Amino acid sequence: MTLILDAGAFFAVERRDYEISARIKRERLAGRSPRTHGGVIGQVWRGGTGRNTLVARLLPSLDIVGLDGELGKRAGELLARSNSSDVIDAAVVLLARPGDRILTSDPHDLAELATAADVDVEIVSV
């Protein structure tokens, strides 16, 4: 099981949401790196200062996948199947494997994308 982080998870960390921070910490203590992709980092990164300092501290412990041409094409295909338009969300879903958990502030949209991708994941609202 891997923990997948959408932008909402990072914003929860910035808000000092204890529950979300504890989930991420438990994942790391279990020897697993939470996963996200570069597009999500672009949504949340504001230079690593102020509240963003907590995000800056978190980044080195993550498995950050590049939003490259291949992932972009797969995300576009998923958007076509789901009649959606958010490539960042689609790419987040494509990082997941059966049994993974996705932390998101967009549970409805990601659940629809997961259904279209035919991947059995747990969507956790943050």
N, C-alpha and C. Protein backbone atom coordinates (compact mmCIF):
# COMPACT_ATOMS: atom_id res chain seq x y z
N MET A 1 0.84 -1.18 0.00
CA MET A 1 0.00 0.00 0.00
C MET A 1 0.88 1.24 0.00
N THR A 2 0.57 2.16 -0.86
CA THR A 2 1.30 3.43 -0.94
C THR A 2 0.32 4.56 -0.73
N LEU A 3 0.80 5.61 -0.12
CA LEU A 3 0.02 6.81 0.09
C LEU A 3 0.33 7.77 -1.05
N ILE A 4 -0.69 8.18 -1.77
CA ILE A 4 -0.55 9.10 -2.90
C ILE A 4 -1.06 10.47 -2.44
N LEU A 5 -0.27 11.52 -2.69
CA LEU A 5 -0.63 12.85 -2.23
C LEU A 5 -1.08 13.75 -3.38
N ASP A 6 -2.27 14.27 -3.26
CA ASP A 6 -2.78 15.30 -4.16
C ASP A 6 -2.48 16.65 -3.50
N ALA A 7 -2.73 17.73 -4.18
CA ALA A 7 -2.43 19.06 -3.63
C ALA A 7 -3.10 19.29 -2.28
N GLY A 8 -4.29 18.78 -2.10
CA GLY A 8 -5.00 18.96 -0.84
C GLY A 8 -4.22 18.43 0.36
N ALA A 9 -3.47 17.35 0.17
CA ALA A 9 -2.66 16.80 1.27
C ALA A 9 -1.57 17.79 1.67
N PHE A 10 -0.96 18.43 0.70
CA PHE A 10 0.08 19.42 1.01
C PHE A 10 -0.52 20.64 1.71
N PHE A 11 -1.69 21.07 1.26
CA PHE A 11 -2.33 22.21 1.91
C PHE A 11 -2.71 21.86 3.34
N ALA A 12 -3.10 20.60 3.57
CA ALA A 12 -3.41 20.15 4.94
C ALA A 12 -2.15 20.21 5.81
N VAL A 13 -1.02 19.81 5.25
CA VAL A 13 0.25 19.90 5.99
C VAL A 13 0.53 21.36 6.34
N GLU A 14 0.33 22.25 5.38
CA GLU A 14 0.56 23.68 5.63
C GLU A 14 -0.36 24.21 6.73
N ARG A 15 -1.58 23.67 6.81
CA ARG A 15 -2.53 24.10 7.86
C ARG A 15 -2.23 23.43 9.20
N ARG A 16 -1.19 22.64 9.22
CA ARG A 16 -0.80 21.88 10.42
C ARG A 16 -1.89 20.90 10.85
N ASP A 17 -2.49 20.26 9.86
CA ASP A 17 -3.51 19.24 10.12
C ASP A 17 -2.81 18.01 10.70
N TYR A 18 -3.03 17.79 11.99
CA TYR A 18 -2.32 16.72 12.70
C TYR A 18 -2.60 15.35 12.09
N GLU A 19 -3.85 15.07 11.77
CA GLU A 19 -4.22 13.75 11.25
C GLU A 19 -3.49 13.44 9.94
N ILE A 20 -3.46 14.40 9.04
CA ILE A 20 -2.79 14.17 7.75
C ILE A 20 -1.29 14.06 7.94
N SER A 21 -0.71 14.93 8.74
CA SER A 21 0.72 14.84 9.00
C SER A 21 1.08 13.50 9.64
N ALA A 22 0.23 13.00 10.54
CA ALA A 22 0.48 11.72 11.19
C ALA A 22 0.40 10.57 10.19
N ARG A 23 -0.54 10.62 9.27
CA ARG A 23 -0.64 9.58 8.23
C ARG A 23 0.64 9.53 7.39
N ILE A 24 1.11 10.69 7.00
CA ILE A 24 2.32 10.75 6.19
C ILE A 24 3.51 10.24 6.99
N LYS A 25 3.59 10.63 8.25
CA LYS A 25 4.70 10.18 9.10
C LYS A 25 4.67 8.66 9.28
N ARG A 26 3.49 8.08 9.51
CA ARG A 26 3.38 6.63 9.66
C ARG A 26 3.84 5.91 8.40
N GLU A 27 3.51 6.45 7.26
CA GLU A 27 3.95 5.87 5.98
C GLU A 27 5.47 5.85 5.91
N ARG A 28 6.07 6.96 6.25
CA ARG A 28 7.54 7.06 6.20
C ARG A 28 8.19 6.14 7.22
N LEU A 29 7.61 6.04 8.43
CA LEU A 29 8.16 5.16 9.47
C LEU A 29 8.05 3.68 9.08
N ALA A 30 7.08 3.36 8.24
CA ALA A 30 6.92 2.00 7.74
C ALA A 30 7.88 1.70 6.59
N GLY A 31 8.71 2.68 6.25
CA GLY A 31 9.70 2.47 5.19
C GLY A 31 9.17 2.70 3.80
N ARG A 32 8.02 3.34 3.69
CA ARG A 32 7.44 3.63 2.38
C ARG A 32 7.45 5.14 2.14
N SER A 33 7.76 5.51 0.93
CA SER A 33 7.75 6.93 0.56
C SER A 33 6.41 7.30 -0.06
N PRO A 34 5.70 8.24 0.52
CA PRO A 34 4.49 8.72 -0.14
C PRO A 34 4.84 9.22 -1.54
N ARG A 35 3.90 9.10 -2.47
CA ARG A 35 4.16 9.41 -3.87
C ARG A 35 3.27 10.56 -4.34
N THR A 36 3.84 11.37 -5.23
CA THR A 36 3.09 12.41 -5.91
C THR A 36 3.77 12.63 -7.25
N HIS A 37 3.37 13.66 -7.98
CA HIS A 37 4.07 13.98 -9.23
C HIS A 37 4.36 15.47 -9.30
N GLY A 38 5.22 15.83 -10.22
CA GLY A 38 5.70 17.20 -10.34
C GLY A 38 4.62 18.23 -10.57
N GLY A 39 3.53 17.86 -11.23
CA GLY A 39 2.44 18.80 -11.44
C GLY A 39 1.78 19.21 -10.14
N VAL A 40 1.66 18.27 -9.21
CA VAL A 40 1.10 18.59 -7.89
C VAL A 40 2.04 19.55 -7.16
N ILE A 41 3.33 19.30 -7.26
CA ILE A 41 4.30 20.19 -6.62
C ILE A 41 4.12 21.60 -7.18
N GLY A 42 3.92 21.72 -8.47
CA GLY A 42 3.68 23.03 -9.08
C GLY A 42 2.44 23.72 -8.54
N GLN A 43 1.43 22.94 -8.18
CA GLN A 43 0.21 23.53 -7.62
C GLN A 43 0.43 24.10 -6.23
N VAL A 44 1.36 23.53 -5.46
CA VAL A 44 1.49 23.93 -4.06
C VAL A 44 2.75 24.72 -3.74
N TRP A 45 3.75 24.65 -4.59
CA TRP A 45 5.04 25.29 -4.27
C TRP A 45 4.98 26.80 -4.44
N ARG A 46 5.38 27.50 -3.39
CA ARG A 46 5.42 28.96 -3.43
C ARG A 46 6.75 29.48 -2.88
N GLY A 47 7.80 28.70 -3.09
CA GLY A 47 9.13 29.15 -2.73
C GLY A 47 9.68 28.61 -1.43
N GLY A 48 8.89 27.83 -0.72
CA GLY A 48 9.39 27.19 0.49
C GLY A 48 9.50 28.08 1.71
N THR A 49 8.85 29.23 1.69
CA THR A 49 8.91 30.14 2.84
C THR A 49 7.52 30.25 3.47
N GLY A 50 7.45 30.82 4.65
CA GLY A 50 6.18 30.97 5.34
C GLY A 50 5.59 29.61 5.64
N ARG A 51 4.29 29.46 5.45
CA ARG A 51 3.64 28.17 5.68
C ARG A 51 4.17 27.10 4.74
N ASN A 52 4.69 27.51 3.59
CA ASN A 52 5.23 26.57 2.60
C ASN A 52 6.51 25.89 3.10
N THR A 53 7.08 26.37 4.21
CA THR A 53 8.26 25.74 4.79
C THR A 53 7.97 24.29 5.15
N LEU A 54 6.78 24.01 5.62
CA LEU A 54 6.42 22.64 5.97
C LEU A 54 6.42 21.74 4.73
N VAL A 55 5.99 22.26 3.61
CA VAL A 55 6.05 21.51 2.35
C VAL A 55 7.50 21.28 1.96
N ALA A 56 8.32 22.30 2.09
CA ALA A 56 9.74 22.17 1.74
C ALA A 56 10.40 21.07 2.57
N ARG A 57 10.04 20.96 3.83
CA ARG A 57 10.61 19.91 4.69
C ARG A 57 10.13 18.53 4.30
N LEU A 58 8.91 18.44 3.78
CA LEU A 58 8.32 17.17 3.41
C LEU A 58 8.89 16.61 2.10
N LEU A 59 9.18 17.47 1.15
CA LEU A 59 9.55 17.03 -0.20
C LEU A 59 10.67 16.00 -0.27
N PRO A 60 11.76 16.13 0.50
CA PRO A 60 12.85 15.14 0.35
C PRO A 60 12.45 13.71 0.70
N SER A 61 11.38 13.54 1.45
CA SER A 61 10.97 12.20 1.86
C SER A 61 9.96 11.56 0.90
N LEU A 62 9.65 12.24 -0.19
CA LEU A 62 8.63 11.76 -1.12
C LEU A 62 9.23 11.12 -2.36
N ASP A 63 8.46 10.26 -2.96
CA ASP A 63 8.76 9.73 -4.29
C ASP A 63 8.00 10.63 -5.25
N ILE A 64 8.72 11.53 -5.92
CA ILE A 64 8.09 12.50 -6.83
C ILE A 64 8.33 12.03 -8.26
N VAL A 65 7.26 11.65 -8.92
CA VAL A 65 7.30 11.15 -10.28
C VAL A 65 7.20 12.33 -11.24
N GLY A 66 7.95 12.28 -12.31
CA GLY A 66 7.89 13.34 -13.32
C GLY A 66 6.60 13.26 -14.12
N LEU A 67 6.03 14.41 -14.38
CA LEU A 67 4.86 14.47 -15.27
C LEU A 67 5.40 14.62 -16.69
N ASP A 68 5.85 13.48 -17.22
CA ASP A 68 6.50 13.47 -18.53
C ASP A 68 5.48 13.20 -19.64
N GLY A 69 5.98 13.04 -20.83
CA GLY A 69 5.09 12.83 -21.98
C GLY A 69 4.24 11.58 -21.86
N GLU A 70 4.82 10.48 -21.37
CA GLU A 70 4.08 9.23 -21.24
C GLU A 70 2.94 9.35 -20.23
N LEU A 71 3.25 9.88 -19.03
CA LEU A 71 2.21 10.06 -18.02
C LEU A 71 1.17 11.06 -18.51
N GLY A 72 1.62 12.10 -19.21
CA GLY A 72 0.69 13.09 -19.76
C GLY A 72 -0.27 12.47 -20.77
N LYS A 73 0.23 11.60 -21.64
CA LYS A 73 -0.65 10.94 -22.62
C LYS A 73 -1.64 10.01 -21.93
N ARG A 74 -1.17 9.25 -20.97
CA ARG A 74 -2.06 8.36 -20.24
C ARG A 74 -3.12 9.16 -19.49
N ALA A 75 -2.72 10.31 -18.92
CA ALA A 75 -3.68 11.17 -18.22
C ALA A 75 -4.73 11.71 -19.20
N GLY A 76 -4.29 12.11 -20.36
CA GLY A 76 -5.23 12.59 -21.38
C GLY A 76 -6.23 11.52 -21.79
N GLU A 77 -5.75 10.29 -21.94
CA GLU A 77 -6.64 9.19 -22.29
C GLU A 77 -7.66 8.93 -21.18
N LEU A 78 -7.19 9.02 -19.92
CA LEU A 78 -8.11 8.85 -18.80
C LEU A 78 -9.15 9.96 -18.77
N LEU A 79 -8.73 11.18 -19.07
CA LEU A 79 -9.68 12.30 -19.11
C LEU A 79 -10.74 12.07 -20.17
N ALA A 80 -10.33 11.52 -21.31
CA ALA A 80 -11.30 11.23 -22.37
C ALA A 80 -12.31 10.18 -21.91
N ARG A 81 -11.83 9.13 -21.21
CA ARG A 81 -12.73 8.07 -20.73
C ARG A 81 -13.67 8.57 -19.64
N SER A 82 -13.21 9.52 -18.85
CA SER A 82 -14.00 9.97 -17.70
C SER A 82 -14.78 11.25 -17.97
N ASN A 83 -14.58 11.83 -19.15
CA ASN A 83 -15.21 13.10 -19.49
C ASN A 83 -14.85 14.18 -18.47
N SER A 84 -13.57 14.21 -18.06
CA SER A 84 -13.05 15.18 -17.10
C SER A 84 -12.03 16.06 -17.80
N SER A 85 -11.47 17.04 -17.05
CA SER A 85 -10.54 17.96 -17.69
C SER A 85 -9.29 18.28 -16.87
N ASP A 86 -9.15 17.75 -15.65
CA ASP A 86 -8.02 18.12 -14.80
C ASP A 86 -6.88 17.11 -14.95
N VAL A 87 -5.87 17.47 -15.73
CA VAL A 87 -4.77 16.56 -16.00
C VAL A 87 -3.97 16.23 -14.74
N ILE A 88 -3.87 17.17 -13.82
CA ILE A 88 -3.12 16.93 -12.58
C ILE A 88 -3.82 15.84 -11.77
N ASP A 89 -5.13 15.93 -11.62
CA ASP A 89 -5.88 14.90 -10.90
C ASP A 89 -5.78 13.55 -11.60
N ALA A 90 -5.91 13.55 -12.92
CA ALA A 90 -5.82 12.28 -13.66
C ALA A 90 -4.46 11.62 -13.45
N ALA A 91 -3.41 12.41 -13.49
CA ALA A 91 -2.07 11.86 -13.29
C ALA A 91 -1.89 11.33 -11.87
N VAL A 92 -2.50 11.98 -10.89
CA VAL A 92 -2.45 11.48 -9.50
C VAL A 92 -3.06 10.08 -9.45
N VAL A 93 -4.22 9.91 -10.04
CA VAL A 93 -4.90 8.61 -10.03
C VAL A 93 -4.03 7.56 -10.72
N LEU A 94 -3.36 7.95 -11.78
CA LEU A 94 -2.53 6.99 -12.52
C LEU A 94 -1.29 6.56 -11.75
N LEU A 95 -0.92 7.28 -10.70
CA LEU A 95 0.19 6.86 -9.86
C LEU A 95 -0.20 5.70 -8.94
N ALA A 96 -1.49 5.53 -8.73
CA ALA A 96 -2.00 4.58 -7.75
C ALA A 96 -2.09 3.16 -8.32
N ARG A 97 -1.90 2.22 -7.41
CA ARG A 97 -2.08 0.79 -7.68
C ARG A 97 -3.20 0.29 -6.77
N PRO A 98 -3.78 -0.86 -7.09
CA PRO A 98 -4.84 -1.38 -6.22
C PRO A 98 -4.40 -1.44 -4.76
N GLY A 99 -5.27 -0.94 -3.89
CA GLY A 99 -4.99 -0.94 -2.46
C GLY A 99 -4.33 0.32 -1.95
N ASP A 100 -3.86 1.19 -2.84
CA ASP A 100 -3.24 2.44 -2.41
C ASP A 100 -4.31 3.38 -1.86
N ARG A 101 -3.83 4.40 -1.13
CA ARG A 101 -4.70 5.45 -0.61
C ARG A 101 -4.30 6.77 -1.25
N ILE A 102 -5.29 7.55 -1.66
CA ILE A 102 -5.05 8.88 -2.21
C ILE A 102 -5.61 9.90 -1.24
N LEU A 103 -4.75 10.80 -0.76
CA LEU A 103 -5.18 11.91 0.10
C LEU A 103 -5.50 13.10 -0.80
N THR A 104 -6.72 13.59 -0.73
CA THR A 104 -7.15 14.66 -1.63
C THR A 104 -8.23 15.53 -1.01
N SER A 105 -8.30 16.75 -1.46
CA SER A 105 -9.40 17.63 -1.10
C SER A 105 -10.48 17.61 -2.19
N ASP A 106 -10.29 16.75 -3.18
CA ASP A 106 -11.21 16.60 -4.31
C ASP A 106 -11.72 15.16 -4.39
N PRO A 107 -12.31 14.62 -3.33
CA PRO A 107 -12.62 13.18 -3.33
C PRO A 107 -13.58 12.74 -4.44
N HIS A 108 -14.56 13.56 -4.74
CA HIS A 108 -15.54 13.18 -5.76
C HIS A 108 -14.87 13.03 -7.13
N ASP A 109 -14.09 14.04 -7.51
CA ASP A 109 -13.43 14.01 -8.83
C ASP A 109 -12.45 12.84 -8.93
N LEU A 110 -11.66 12.62 -7.87
CA LEU A 110 -10.68 11.54 -7.93
C LEU A 110 -11.35 10.17 -7.90
N ALA A 111 -12.46 10.05 -7.20
CA ALA A 111 -13.19 8.78 -7.21
C ALA A 111 -13.71 8.46 -8.61
N GLU A 112 -14.22 9.46 -9.30
CA GLU A 112 -14.69 9.25 -10.67
C GLU A 112 -13.54 8.85 -11.59
N LEU A 113 -12.40 9.51 -11.43
CA LEU A 113 -11.23 9.16 -12.24
C LEU A 113 -10.73 7.76 -11.92
N ALA A 114 -10.74 7.38 -10.65
CA ALA A 114 -10.30 6.03 -10.26
C ALA A 114 -11.23 4.97 -10.86
N THR A 115 -12.52 5.26 -10.87
CA THR A 115 -13.47 4.33 -11.49
C THR A 115 -13.18 4.19 -12.97
N ALA A 116 -12.96 5.31 -13.65
CA ALA A 116 -12.66 5.28 -15.09
C ALA A 116 -11.34 4.57 -15.37
N ALA A 117 -10.39 4.67 -14.43
CA ALA A 117 -9.09 4.02 -14.59
C ALA A 117 -9.15 2.55 -14.18
N ASP A 118 -10.28 2.14 -13.61
CA ASP A 118 -10.47 0.76 -13.13
C ASP A 118 -9.39 0.37 -12.13
N VAL A 119 -9.13 1.27 -11.17
CA VAL A 119 -8.17 0.99 -10.11
C VAL A 119 -8.89 1.10 -8.77
N ASP A 120 -8.76 0.05 -7.96
CA ASP A 120 -9.42 -0.01 -6.67
C ASP A 120 -8.53 0.65 -5.62
N VAL A 121 -8.84 1.90 -5.29
CA VAL A 121 -8.06 2.67 -4.32
C VAL A 121 -8.99 3.23 -3.26
N GLU A 122 -8.41 3.62 -2.14
CA GLU A 122 -9.18 4.30 -1.12
C GLU A 122 -8.95 5.79 -1.29
N ILE A 123 -10.02 6.54 -1.43
CA ILE A 123 -9.94 7.99 -1.56
C ILE A 123 -10.18 8.56 -0.16
N VAL A 124 -9.20 9.29 0.37
CA VAL A 124 -9.29 9.85 1.71
C VAL A 124 -9.41 11.36 1.59
N SER A 125 -10.51 11.90 2.07
CA SER A 125 -10.73 13.34 2.03
C SER A 125 -9.91 14.05 3.10
N VAL A 126 -9.26 15.13 2.70
CA VAL A 126 -8.46 15.92 3.65
C VAL A 126 -9.09 17.29 3.85
